[in-house]
All heavy atoms as atom14 arrays in JSON, in Angstrom:
{
  "sequence": "QGDGLAKAEIQTRSQNLYIAGALPGETVRAQTVAKRGDGLVAQLLEVI",
  "atom14_mask": [
    [1, 1, 1, 1, 1, 1, 1, 1, 1, 0, 0, 0, 0, 0],
    [1, 1, 1, 1, 0, 0, 0, 0, 0, 0, 0, 0, 0, 0],
    [1, 1, 1, 1, 1, 1, 1, 1, 0, 0, 0, 0, 0, 0],
    [1, 1, 1, 1, 0, 0, 0, 0, 0, 0, 0, 0, 0, 0],
    [1, 1, 1, 1, 1, 1, 1, 1, 0, 0, 0, 0, 0, 0],
    [1, 1, 1, 1, 1, 0, 0, 0, 0, 0, 0, 0, 0, 0],
    [1, 1, 1, 1, 1, 1, 1, 1, 1, 0, 0, 0, 0, 0],
    [1, 1, 1, 1, 1, 0, 0, 0, 0, 0, 0, 0, 0, 0],
    [1, 1, 1, 1, 1, 1, 1, 1, 1, 0, 0, 0, 0, 0],
    [1, 1, 1, 1, 1, 1, 1, 1, 0, 0, 0, 0, 0, 0],
    [1, 1, 1, 1, 1, 1, 1, 1, 1, 0, 0, 0, 0, 0],
    [1, 1, 1, 1, 1, 1, 1, 0, 0, 0, 0, 0, 0, 0],
    [1, 1, 1, 1, 1, 1, 1, 1, 1, 1, 1, 0, 0, 0],
    [1, 1, 1, 1, 1, 1, 0, 0, 0, 0, 0, 0, 0, 0],
    [1, 1, 1, 1, 1, 1, 1, 1, 1, 0, 0, 0, 0, 0],
    [1, 1, 1, 1, 1, 1, 1, 1, 0, 0, 0, 0, 0, 0],
    [1, 1, 1, 1, 1, 1, 1, 1, 0, 0, 0, 0, 0, 0],
    [1, 1, 1, 1, 1, 1, 1, 1, 1, 1, 1, 1, 0, 0],
    [1, 1, 1, 1, 1, 1, 1, 1, 0, 0, 0, 0, 0, 0],
    [1, 1, 1, 1, 1, 0, 0, 0, 0, 0, 0, 0, 0, 0],
    [1, 1, 1, 1, 0, 0, 0, 0, 0, 0, 0, 0, 0, 0],
    [1, 1, 1, 1, 1, 0, 0, 0, 0, 0, 0, 0, 0, 0],
    [1, 1, 1, 1, 1, 1, 1, 1, 0, 0, 0, 0, 0, 0],
    [1, 1, 1, 1, 1, 1, 1, 0, 0, 0, 0, 0, 0, 0],
    [1, 1, 1, 1, 0, 0, 0, 0, 0, 0, 0, 0, 0, 0],
    [1, 1, 1, 1, 1, 1, 1, 1, 1, 0, 0, 0, 0, 0],
    [1, 1, 1, 1, 1, 1, 1, 0, 0, 0, 0, 0, 0, 0],
    [1, 1, 1, 1, 1, 1, 1, 0, 0, 0, 0, 0, 0, 0],
    [1, 1, 1, 1, 1, 1, 1, 1, 1, 1, 1, 0, 0, 0],
    [1, 1, 1, 1, 1, 0, 0, 0, 0, 0, 0, 0, 0, 0],
    [1, 1, 1, 1, 1, 1, 1, 1, 1, 0, 0, 0, 0, 0],
    [1, 1, 1, 1, 1, 1, 1, 0, 0, 0, 0, 0, 0, 0],
    [1, 1, 1, 1, 1, 1, 1, 0, 0, 0, 0, 0, 0, 0],
    [1, 1, 1, 1, 1, 0, 0, 0, 0, 0, 0, 0, 0, 0],
    [1, 1, 1, 1, 1, 1, 1, 1, 1, 0, 0, 0, 0, 0],
    [1, 1, 1, 1, 1, 1, 1, 1, 1, 1, 1, 0, 0, 0],
    [1, 1, 1, 1, 0, 0, 0, 0, 0, 0, 0, 0, 0, 0],
    [1, 1, 1, 1, 1, 1, 1, 1, 0, 0, 0, 0, 0, 0],
    [1, 1, 1, 1, 0, 0, 0, 0, 0, 0, 0, 0, 0, 0],
    [1, 1, 1, 1, 1, 1, 1, 1, 0, 0, 0, 0, 0, 0],
    [1, 1, 1, 1, 1, 1, 1, 0, 0, 0, 0, 0, 0, 0],
    [1, 1, 1, 1, 1, 0, 0, 0, 0, 0, 0, 0, 0, 0],
    [1, 1, 1, 1, 1, 1, 1, 1, 1, 0, 0, 0, 0, 0],
    [1, 1, 1, 1, 1, 1, 1, 1, 0, 0, 0, 0, 0, 0],
    [1, 1, 1, 1, 1, 1, 1, 1, 0, 0, 0, 0, 0, 0],
    [1, 1, 1, 1, 1, 1, 1, 1, 1, 0, 0, 0, 0, 0],
    [1, 1, 1, 1, 1, 1, 1, 0, 0, 0, 0, 0, 0, 0],
    [1, 1, 1, 1, 1, 1, 1, 1, 0, 0, 0, 0, 0, 0]
  ],
  "atom14_positions": [
    [[-35.17, -76.12, 50.2], [-36.2, -76.47, 49.22], [-35.71, -76.41, 47.78], [-36.49, -76.46, 46.83], [-37.4, -75.53, 49.4], [-38.05, -75.64, 50.77], [-39.23, -74.71, 50.94], [-39.93, -74.41, 49.97], [-39.46, -74.23, 52.14], [0.0, 0.0, 0.0], [0.0, 0.0, 0.0], [0.0, 0.0, 0.0], [0.0, 0.0, 0.0], [0.0, 0.0, 0.0]],
    [[-34.38, -76.29, 47.61], [-33.81, -76.28, 46.27], [-33.75, -74.92, 45.63], [-33.4, -74.81, 44.45], [0.0, 0.0, 0.0], [0.0, 0.0, 0.0], [0.0, 0.0, 0.0], [0.0, 0.0, 0.0], [0.0, 0.0, 0.0], [0.0, 0.0, 0.0], [0.0, 0.0, 0.0], [0.0, 0.0, 0.0], [0.0, 0.0, 0.0], [0.0, 0.0, 0.0]],
    [[-34.09, -73.87, 46.38], [-34.0, -72.51, 45.83], [-32.55, -72.05, 45.79], [-31.76, -72.37, 46.69], [-34.78, -71.53, 46.7], [-36.27, -71.81, 46.71], [-36.83, -71.99, 45.62], [-36.86, -71.87, 47.8], [0.0, 0.0, 0.0], [0.0, 0.0, 0.0], [0.0, 0.0, 0.0], [0.0, 0.0, 0.0], [0.0, 0.0, 0.0], [0.0, 0.0, 0.0]],
    [[-32.21, -71.25, 44.78], [-30.92, -70.58, 44.77], [-30.9, -69.48, 45.82], [-31.86, -68.73, 45.96], [0.0, 0.0, 0.0], [0.0, 0.0, 0.0], [0.0, 0.0, 0.0], [0.0, 0.0, 0.0], [0.0, 0.0, 0.0], [0.0, 0.0, 0.0], [0.0, 0.0, 0.0], [0.0, 0.0, 0.0], [0.0, 0.0, 0.0], [0.0, 0.0, 0.0]],
    [[-29.79, -69.38, 46.56], [-29.67, -68.39, 47.63], [-28.76, -67.25, 47.19], [-27.73, -67.47, 46.56], [-29.09, -69.04, 48.9], [-29.83, -70.26, 49.45], [-29.1, -70.8, 50.68], [-31.27, -69.92, 49.79], [0.0, 0.0, 0.0], [0.0, 0.0, 0.0], [0.0, 0.0, 0.0], [0.0, 0.0, 0.0], [0.0, 0.0, 0.0], [0.0, 0.0, 0.0]],
    [[-29.17, -66.04, 47.51], [-28.37, -64.86, 47.16], [-28.7, -63.74, 48.13], [-29.64, -63.83, 48.92], [-28.64, -64.43, 45.72], [0.0, 0.0, 0.0], [0.0, 0.0, 0.0], [0.0, 0.0, 0.0], [0.0, 0.0, 0.0], [0.0, 0.0, 0.0], [0.0, 0.0, 0.0], [0.0, 0.0, 0.0], [0.0, 0.0, 0.0], [0.0, 0.0, 0.0]],
    [[-27.89, -62.67, 48.08], [-28.15, -61.46, 48.85], [-28.18, -60.27, 47.9], [-27.47, -60.26, 46.89], [-27.09, -61.24, 49.94], [-27.26, -62.12, 51.17], [-26.27, -61.75, 52.25], [-26.51, -62.55, 53.53], [-27.79, -62.15, 54.19], [0.0, 0.0, 0.0], [0.0, 0.0, 0.0], [0.0, 0.0, 0.0], [0.0, 0.0, 0.0], [0.0, 0.0, 0.0]],
    [[-29.02, -59.29, 48.24], [-29.12, -58.1, 47.4], [-29.54, -56.92, 48.25], [-30.21, -57.08, 49.27], [-30.11, -58.32, 46.26], [0.0, 0.0, 0.0], [0.0, 0.0, 0.0], [0.0, 0.0, 0.0], [0.0, 0.0, 0.0], [0.0, 0.0, 0.0], [0.0, 0.0, 0.0], [0.0, 0.0, 0.0], [0.0, 0.0, 0.0], [0.0, 0.0, 0.0]],
    [[-29.13, -55.74, 47.82], [-29.57, -54.51, 48.47], [-30.93, -54.11, 47.9], [-31.04, -53.77, 46.72], [-28.55, -53.39, 48.24], [-27.23, -53.6, 48.96], [-27.37, -53.43, 50.46], [-28.18, -52.6, 50.89], [-26.67, -54.15, 51.21], [0.0, 0.0, 0.0], [0.0, 0.0, 0.0], [0.0, 0.0, 0.0], [0.0, 0.0, 0.0], [0.0, 0.0, 0.0]],
    [[-31.95, -54.2, 48.72], [-33.29, -53.83, 48.32], [-33.72, -52.64, 49.18], [-33.89, -52.76, 50.39], [-34.3, -54.98, 48.51], [-33.81, -56.26, 47.81], [-35.68, -54.57, 48.0], [-33.77, -56.18, 46.32], [0.0, 0.0, 0.0], [0.0, 0.0, 0.0], [0.0, 0.0, 0.0], [0.0, 0.0, 0.0], [0.0, 0.0, 0.0], [0.0, 0.0, 0.0]],
    [[-33.84, -51.48, 48.55], [-34.2, -50.25, 49.24], [-33.26, -50.0, 50.43], [-33.69, -49.85, 51.57], [-35.66, -50.29, 49.69], [-36.64, -50.3, 48.53], [-38.09, -50.14, 48.96], [-38.42, -50.28, 50.13], [-38.95, -49.85, 48.0], [0.0, 0.0, 0.0], [0.0, 0.0, 0.0], [0.0, 0.0, 0.0], [0.0, 0.0, 0.0], [0.0, 0.0, 0.0]],
    [[-31.97, -50.01, 50.13], [-30.88, -49.73, 51.09], [-30.79, -50.75, 52.21], [-30.15, -50.49, 53.23], [-31.0, -48.32, 51.69], [-32.13, -48.28, 52.6], [-31.17, -47.27, 50.61], [0.0, 0.0, 0.0], [0.0, 0.0, 0.0], [0.0, 0.0, 0.0], [0.0, 0.0, 0.0], [0.0, 0.0, 0.0], [0.0, 0.0, 0.0], [0.0, 0.0, 0.0]],
    [[-31.39, -51.91, 52.04], [-31.33, -52.93, 53.07], [-30.89, -54.25, 52.46], [-31.42, -54.67, 51.43], [-32.69, -53.1, 53.74], [-32.72, -54.15, 54.84], [-34.13, -54.32, 55.37], [-34.22, -55.44, 56.29], [-35.35, -55.91, 56.78], [-36.51, -55.36, 56.43], [-35.34, -56.93, 57.62], [0.0, 0.0, 0.0], [0.0, 0.0, 0.0], [0.0, 0.0, 0.0]],
    [[-29.93, -54.93, 53.11], [-29.47, -56.24, 52.62], [-30.54, -57.29, 52.89], [-31.0, -57.45, 54.02], [-28.16, -56.63, 53.32], [-27.72, -57.89, 52.86], [0.0, 0.0, 0.0], [0.0, 0.0, 0.0], [0.0, 0.0, 0.0], [0.0, 0.0, 0.0], [0.0, 0.0, 0.0], [0.0, 0.0, 0.0], [0.0, 0.0, 0.0], [0.0, 0.0, 0.0]],
    [[-30.94, -58.0, 51.83], [-32.01, -58.98, 51.94], [-31.53, -60.34, 51.44], [-30.79, -60.43, 50.46], [-33.22, -58.55, 51.1], [-33.92, -57.32, 51.61], [-34.99, -57.65, 52.64], [-35.04, -58.74, 53.2], [-35.86, -56.7, 52.9], [0.0, 0.0, 0.0], [0.0, 0.0, 0.0], [0.0, 0.0, 0.0], [0.0, 0.0, 0.0], [0.0, 0.0, 0.0]],
    [[-31.97, -61.41, 52.12], [-31.79, -62.76, 51.62], [-32.81, -63.02, 50.52], [-34.0, -62.71, 50.68], [-31.98, -63.79, 52.73], [-30.92, -63.7, 53.8], [-29.75, -63.49, 53.5], [-31.31, -63.83, 55.05], [0.0, 0.0, 0.0], [0.0, 0.0, 0.0], [0.0, 0.0, 0.0], [0.0, 0.0, 0.0], [0.0, 0.0, 0.0], [0.0, 0.0, 0.0]],
    [[-32.35, -63.59, 49.41], [-33.24, -63.9, 48.3], [-33.32, -65.4, 48.09], [-32.31, -66.12, 48.2], [-32.76, -63.24, 47.0], [-32.68, -61.71, 46.97], [-32.32, -61.24, 45.56], [-33.99, -61.07, 47.42], [0.0, 0.0, 0.0], [0.0, 0.0, 0.0], [0.0, 0.0, 0.0], [0.0, 0.0, 0.0], [0.0, 0.0, 0.0], [0.0, 0.0, 0.0]],
    [[-34.52, -65.89, 47.78], [-34.76, -67.29, 47.45], [-35.27, -67.34, 46.02], [-36.37, -66.85, 45.73], [-35.78, -67.91, 48.41], [-35.34, -67.84, 49.86], [-35.72, -66.78, 50.67], [-34.56, -68.85, 50.41], [-35.33, -66.71, 51.99], [-34.16, -68.8, 51.74], [-34.55, -67.72, 52.52], [-34.15, -67.66, 53.84], [0.0, 0.0, 0.0], [0.0, 0.0, 0.0]],
    [[-34.48, -67.94, 45.12], [-34.78, -67.87, 43.69], [-34.89, -69.29, 43.13], [-33.87, -69.97, 42.92], [-33.69, -67.09, 42.93], [-33.44, -65.73, 43.61], [-34.09, -66.91, 41.48], [-32.25, -64.99, 43.04], [0.0, 0.0, 0.0], [0.0, 0.0, 0.0], [0.0, 0.0, 0.0], [0.0, 0.0, 0.0], [0.0, 0.0, 0.0], [0.0, 0.0, 0.0]],
    [[-36.12, -69.76, 42.91], [-36.32, -71.09, 42.34], [-35.77, -71.13, 40.92], [-35.95, -70.2, 40.14], [-37.81, -71.43, 42.33], [0.0, 0.0, 0.0], [0.0, 0.0, 0.0], [0.0, 0.0, 0.0], [0.0, 0.0, 0.0], [0.0, 0.0, 0.0], [0.0, 0.0, 0.0], [0.0, 0.0, 0.0], [0.0, 0.0, 0.0], [0.0, 0.0, 0.0]],
    [[-35.07, -72.23, 40.6], [-34.53, -72.41, 39.26], [-33.11, -71.91, 39.08], [-32.52, -72.11, 38.02], [0.0, 0.0, 0.0], [0.0, 0.0, 0.0], [0.0, 0.0, 0.0], [0.0, 0.0, 0.0], [0.0, 0.0, 0.0], [0.0, 0.0, 0.0], [0.0, 0.0, 0.0], [0.0, 0.0, 0.0], [0.0, 0.0, 0.0], [0.0, 0.0, 0.0]],
    [[-32.54, -71.27, 40.1], [-31.16, -70.77, 40.02], [-30.21, -71.73, 40.72], [-30.57, -72.34, 41.74], [-31.07, -69.38, 40.63], [0.0, 0.0, 0.0], [0.0, 0.0, 0.0], [0.0, 0.0, 0.0], [0.0, 0.0, 0.0], [0.0, 0.0, 0.0], [0.0, 0.0, 0.0], [0.0, 0.0, 0.0], [0.0, 0.0, 0.0], [0.0, 0.0, 0.0]],
    [[-28.98, -71.84, 40.21], [-28.0, -72.77, 40.74], [-26.77, -72.04, 41.27], [-26.46, -70.92, 40.82], [-27.57, -73.76, 39.65], [-28.66, -74.71, 39.14], [-28.11, -75.56, 38.0], [-29.2, -75.59, 40.26], [0.0, 0.0, 0.0], [0.0, 0.0, 0.0], [0.0, 0.0, 0.0], [0.0, 0.0, 0.0], [0.0, 0.0, 0.0], [0.0, 0.0, 0.0]],
    [[-26.04, -72.66, 42.21], [-24.84, -72.02, 42.77], [-23.84, -71.63, 41.69], [-23.61, -72.38, 40.74], [-24.28, -73.11, 43.69], [-25.45, -73.92, 44.08], [-26.35, -73.94, 42.88], [0.0, 0.0, 0.0], [0.0, 0.0, 0.0], [0.0, 0.0, 0.0], [0.0, 0.0, 0.0], [0.0, 0.0, 0.0], [0.0, 0.0, 0.0], [0.0, 0.0, 0.0]],
    [[-23.26, -70.43, 41.84], [-22.28, -69.92, 40.9], [-22.85, -69.15, 39.74], [-22.12, -68.47, 39.02], [0.0, 0.0, 0.0], [0.0, 0.0, 0.0], [0.0, 0.0, 0.0], [0.0, 0.0, 0.0], [0.0, 0.0, 0.0], [0.0, 0.0, 0.0], [0.0, 0.0, 0.0], [0.0, 0.0, 0.0], [0.0, 0.0, 0.0], [0.0, 0.0, 0.0]],
    [[-24.15, -69.23, 39.53], [-24.77, -68.55, 38.41], [-24.98, -67.06, 38.72], [-25.28, -66.67, 39.85], [-26.11, -69.18, 38.06], [-25.99, -70.58, 37.49], [-27.3, -71.15, 37.03], [-28.35, -70.75, 37.57], [-27.3, -71.99, 36.12], [0.0, 0.0, 0.0], [0.0, 0.0, 0.0], [0.0, 0.0, 0.0], [0.0, 0.0, 0.0], [0.0, 0.0, 0.0]],
    [[-24.86, -66.26, 37.69], [-25.27, -64.87, 37.76], [-26.64, -64.77, 37.08], [-26.79, -65.22, 35.93], [-24.28, -63.95, 37.05], [-23.0, -64.09, 37.67], [-24.71, -62.49, 37.14], [0.0, 0.0, 0.0], [0.0, 0.0, 0.0], [0.0, 0.0, 0.0], [0.0, 0.0, 0.0], [0.0, 0.0, 0.0], [0.0, 0.0, 0.0], [0.0, 0.0, 0.0]],
    [[-27.62, -64.24, 37.79], [-28.98, -64.23, 37.28], [-29.63, -62.87, 37.5], [-29.18, -62.08, 38.34], [-29.86, -65.31, 37.96], [-29.23, -66.69, 37.81], [-30.07, -64.98, 39.44], [0.0, 0.0, 0.0], [0.0, 0.0, 0.0], [0.0, 0.0, 0.0], [0.0, 0.0, 0.0], [0.0, 0.0, 0.0], [0.0, 0.0, 0.0], [0.0, 0.0, 0.0]],
    [[-30.68, -62.61, 36.74], [-31.57, -61.49, 37.0], [-32.86, -62.04, 37.57], [-33.41, -63.03, 37.06], [-31.87, -60.7, 35.72], [-30.73, -59.82, 35.23], [-31.14, -59.0, 34.02], [-32.21, -58.06, 34.33], [-33.48, -58.16, 33.9], [-33.82, -59.17, 33.11], [-34.38, -57.25, 34.22], [0.0, 0.0, 0.0], [0.0, 0.0, 0.0], [0.0, 0.0, 0.0]],
    [[-33.34, -61.42, 38.64], [-34.55, -61.88, 39.29], [-35.33, -60.69, 39.83], [-34.76, -59.63, 40.08], [-34.21, -62.85, 40.42], [0.0, 0.0, 0.0], [0.0, 0.0, 0.0], [0.0, 0.0, 0.0], [0.0, 0.0, 0.0], [0.0, 0.0, 0.0], [0.0, 0.0, 0.0], [0.0, 0.0, 0.0], [0.0, 0.0, 0.0], [0.0, 0.0, 0.0]],
    [[-36.63, -60.91, 40.03], [-37.47, -59.84, 40.57], [-38.14, -60.31, 41.85], [-38.75, -61.39, 41.89], [-38.54, -59.44, 39.56], [-39.47, -58.33, 40.09], [-40.38, -57.79, 39.02], [-39.91, -57.31, 38.0], [-41.68, -57.87, 39.25], [0.0, 0.0, 0.0], [0.0, 0.0, 0.0], [0.0, 0.0, 0.0], [0.0, 0.0, 0.0], [0.0, 0.0, 0.0]],
    [[-38.04, -59.5, 42.88], [-38.66, -59.84, 44.15], [-40.18, -59.82, 44.01], [-40.74, -58.93, 43.38], [-38.22, -58.86, 45.25], [-38.5, -57.53, 44.82], [-36.74, -58.99, 45.53], [0.0, 0.0, 0.0], [0.0, 0.0, 0.0], [0.0, 0.0, 0.0], [0.0, 0.0, 0.0], [0.0, 0.0, 0.0], [0.0, 0.0, 0.0], [0.0, 0.0, 0.0]],
    [[-40.84, -60.82, 44.63], [-42.29, -60.93, 44.46], [-43.04, -61.14, 45.77], [-44.22, -60.84, 45.85], [-42.65, -62.09, 43.5], [-42.17, -61.78, 42.09], [-42.06, -63.41, 43.97], [0.0, 0.0, 0.0], [0.0, 0.0, 0.0], [0.0, 0.0, 0.0], [0.0, 0.0, 0.0], [0.0, 0.0, 0.0], [0.0, 0.0, 0.0], [0.0, 0.0, 0.0]],
    [[-42.38, -61.7, 46.81], [-43.12, -62.02, 48.04], [-42.17, -62.13, 49.22], [-40.96, -62.32, 49.06], [-43.9, -63.33, 47.87], [0.0, 0.0, 0.0], [0.0, 0.0, 0.0], [0.0, 0.0, 0.0], [0.0, 0.0, 0.0], [0.0, 0.0, 0.0], [0.0, 0.0, 0.0], [0.0, 0.0, 0.0], [0.0, 0.0, 0.0], [0.0, 0.0, 0.0]],
    [[-42.74, -62.03, 50.41], [-42.0, -62.2, 51.65], [-41.91, -63.67, 52.0], [-42.86, -64.43, 51.79], [-42.7, -61.43, 52.77], [-42.04, -61.51, 54.13], [-40.78, -60.69, 54.19], [-40.18, -60.71, 55.61], [-38.87, -60.05, 55.66], [0.0, 0.0, 0.0], [0.0, 0.0, 0.0], [0.0, 0.0, 0.0], [0.0, 0.0, 0.0], [0.0, 0.0, 0.0]],
    [[-40.77, -64.09, 52.52], [-40.63, -65.48, 52.98], [-39.63, -65.53, 54.12], [-38.44, -65.29, 53.92], [-40.17, -66.38, 51.84], [-39.87, -67.81, 52.3], [-39.56, -68.69, 51.12], [-38.68, -69.77, 51.47], [-38.08, -70.59, 50.61], [-38.29, -70.42, 49.33], [-37.29, -71.54, 51.02], [0.0, 0.0, 0.0], [0.0, 0.0, 0.0], [0.0, 0.0, 0.0]],
    [[-40.12, -65.87, 55.31], [-39.23, -66.03, 56.45], [-38.37, -64.8, 56.68], [-38.85, -63.69, 56.87], [0.0, 0.0, 0.0], [0.0, 0.0, 0.0], [0.0, 0.0, 0.0], [0.0, 0.0, 0.0], [0.0, 0.0, 0.0], [0.0, 0.0, 0.0], [0.0, 0.0, 0.0], [0.0, 0.0, 0.0], [0.0, 0.0, 0.0], [0.0, 0.0, 0.0]],
    [[-37.05, -65.02, 56.61], [-36.1, -63.93, 56.85], [-35.68, -63.22, 55.57], [-34.7, -62.47, 55.57], [-34.86, -64.49, 57.56], [-34.13, -65.52, 56.7], [-34.72, -65.99, 55.71], [-32.99, -65.87, 57.04], [0.0, 0.0, 0.0], [0.0, 0.0, 0.0], [0.0, 0.0, 0.0], [0.0, 0.0, 0.0], [0.0, 0.0, 0.0], [0.0, 0.0, 0.0]],
    [[-36.38, -63.46, 54.49], [-35.97, -62.84, 53.23], [-37.12, -62.66, 52.27], [-38.28, -62.53, 52.67], [0.0, 0.0, 0.0], [0.0, 0.0, 0.0], [0.0, 0.0, 0.0], [0.0, 0.0, 0.0], [0.0, 0.0, 0.0], [0.0, 0.0, 0.0], [0.0, 0.0, 0.0], [0.0, 0.0, 0.0], [0.0, 0.0, 0.0], [0.0, 0.0, 0.0]],
    [[-36.78, -62.66, 50.98], [-37.76, -62.42, 49.92], [-37.68, -63.51, 48.85], [-36.59, -63.99, 48.53], [-37.51, -61.06, 49.25], [-37.57, -59.81, 50.13], [-37.14, -58.58, 49.32], [-38.96, -59.62, 50.7], [0.0, 0.0, 0.0], [0.0, 0.0, 0.0], [0.0, 0.0, 0.0], [0.0, 0.0, 0.0], [0.0, 0.0, 0.0], [0.0, 0.0, 0.0]],
    [[-38.83, -63.91, 48.35], [-38.89, -64.78, 47.19], [-38.71, -63.92, 45.95], [-39.31, -62.85, 45.83], [-40.24, -65.52, 47.11], [-40.33, -66.33, 45.82], [-40.41, -66.43, 48.32], [0.0, 0.0, 0.0], [0.0, 0.0, 0.0], [0.0, 0.0, 0.0], [0.0, 0.0, 0.0], [0.0, 0.0, 0.0], [0.0, 0.0, 0.0], [0.0, 0.0, 0.0]],
    [[-37.85, -64.38, 45.05], [-37.63, -63.65, 43.8], [-37.86, -64.59, 42.61], [-37.48, -65.76, 42.65], [-36.21, -63.08, 43.75], [0.0, 0.0, 0.0], [0.0, 0.0, 0.0], [0.0, 0.0, 0.0], [0.0, 0.0, 0.0], [0.0, 0.0, 0.0], [0.0, 0.0, 0.0], [0.0, 0.0, 0.0], [0.0, 0.0, 0.0], [0.0, 0.0, 0.0]],
    [[-38.49, -64.07, 41.58], [-38.75, -64.84, 40.37], [-37.58, -64.73, 39.41], [-37.11, -63.62, 39.12], [-40.02, -64.35, 39.7], [-40.38, -65.1, 38.42], [-41.62, -64.54, 37.75], [-42.2, -63.58, 38.22], [-42.01, -65.15, 36.64], [0.0, 0.0, 0.0], [0.0, 0.0, 0.0], [0.0, 0.0, 0.0], [0.0, 0.0, 0.0], [0.0, 0.0, 0.0]],
    [[-37.11, -65.88, 38.94], [-35.99, -65.89, 38.0], [-36.43, -65.31, 36.67], [-37.39, -65.77, 36.06], [-35.5, -67.33, 37.82], [-34.32, -67.54, 36.88], [-33.07, -66.85, 37.41], [-34.05, -69.04, 36.68], [0.0, 0.0, 0.0], [0.0, 0.0, 0.0], [0.0, 0.0, 0.0], [0.0, 0.0, 0.0], [0.0, 0.0, 0.0], [0.0, 0.0, 0.0]],
    [[-35.72, -64.3, 36.21], [-36.02, -63.66, 34.94], [-35.08, -64.1, 33.83], [-35.49, -64.3, 32.69], [-35.95, -62.13, 35.08], [-36.9, -61.49, 36.09], [-36.63, -59.99, 36.16], [-38.35, -61.76, 35.74], [0.0, 0.0, 0.0], [0.0, 0.0, 0.0], [0.0, 0.0, 0.0], [0.0, 0.0, 0.0], [0.0, 0.0, 0.0], [0.0, 0.0, 0.0]],
    [[-33.8, -64.24, 34.18], [-32.79, -64.58, 33.16], [-31.57, -65.17, 33.83], [-31.14, -64.72, 34.89], [-32.39, -63.31, 32.4], [-31.31, -63.52, 31.35], [-30.82, -62.22, 30.76], [-31.29, -61.14, 31.19], [-29.95, -62.27, 29.86], [0.0, 0.0, 0.0], [0.0, 0.0, 0.0], [0.0, 0.0, 0.0], [0.0, 0.0, 0.0], [0.0, 0.0, 0.0]],
    [[-31.01, -66.22, 33.23], [-29.73, -66.77, 33.67], [-28.66, -66.14, 32.79], [-28.56, -66.43, 31.6], [-29.69, -68.3, 33.54], [-28.32, -68.83, 33.96], [-30.78, -68.93, 34.39], [0.0, 0.0, 0.0], [0.0, 0.0, 0.0], [0.0, 0.0, 0.0], [0.0, 0.0, 0.0], [0.0, 0.0, 0.0], [0.0, 0.0, 0.0], [0.0, 0.0, 0.0]],
    [[-27.89, -65.24, 33.37], [-26.87, -64.52, 32.61], [-25.64, -65.39, 32.4], [-25.11, -65.51, 31.29], [-26.5, -63.21, 33.34], [-27.74, -62.33, 33.47], [-25.38, -62.48, 32.61], [-27.54, -61.11, 34.35], [0.0, 0.0, 0.0], [0.0, 0.0, 0.0], [0.0, 0.0, 0.0], [0.0, 0.0, 0.0], [0.0, 0.0, 0.0], [0.0, 0.0, 0.0]]
  ]
}
């Protein structure tokens, strides 16, 4: 669906993140907001 894909440790568990507006290779800050399939939707906060 065009979301940026990433992995992060959330509460000691590796989670798949789906971040709308993020592109491959970018380092970003995002905040998890909702459950989606096998991972979490995260809101893009900043493109570092």
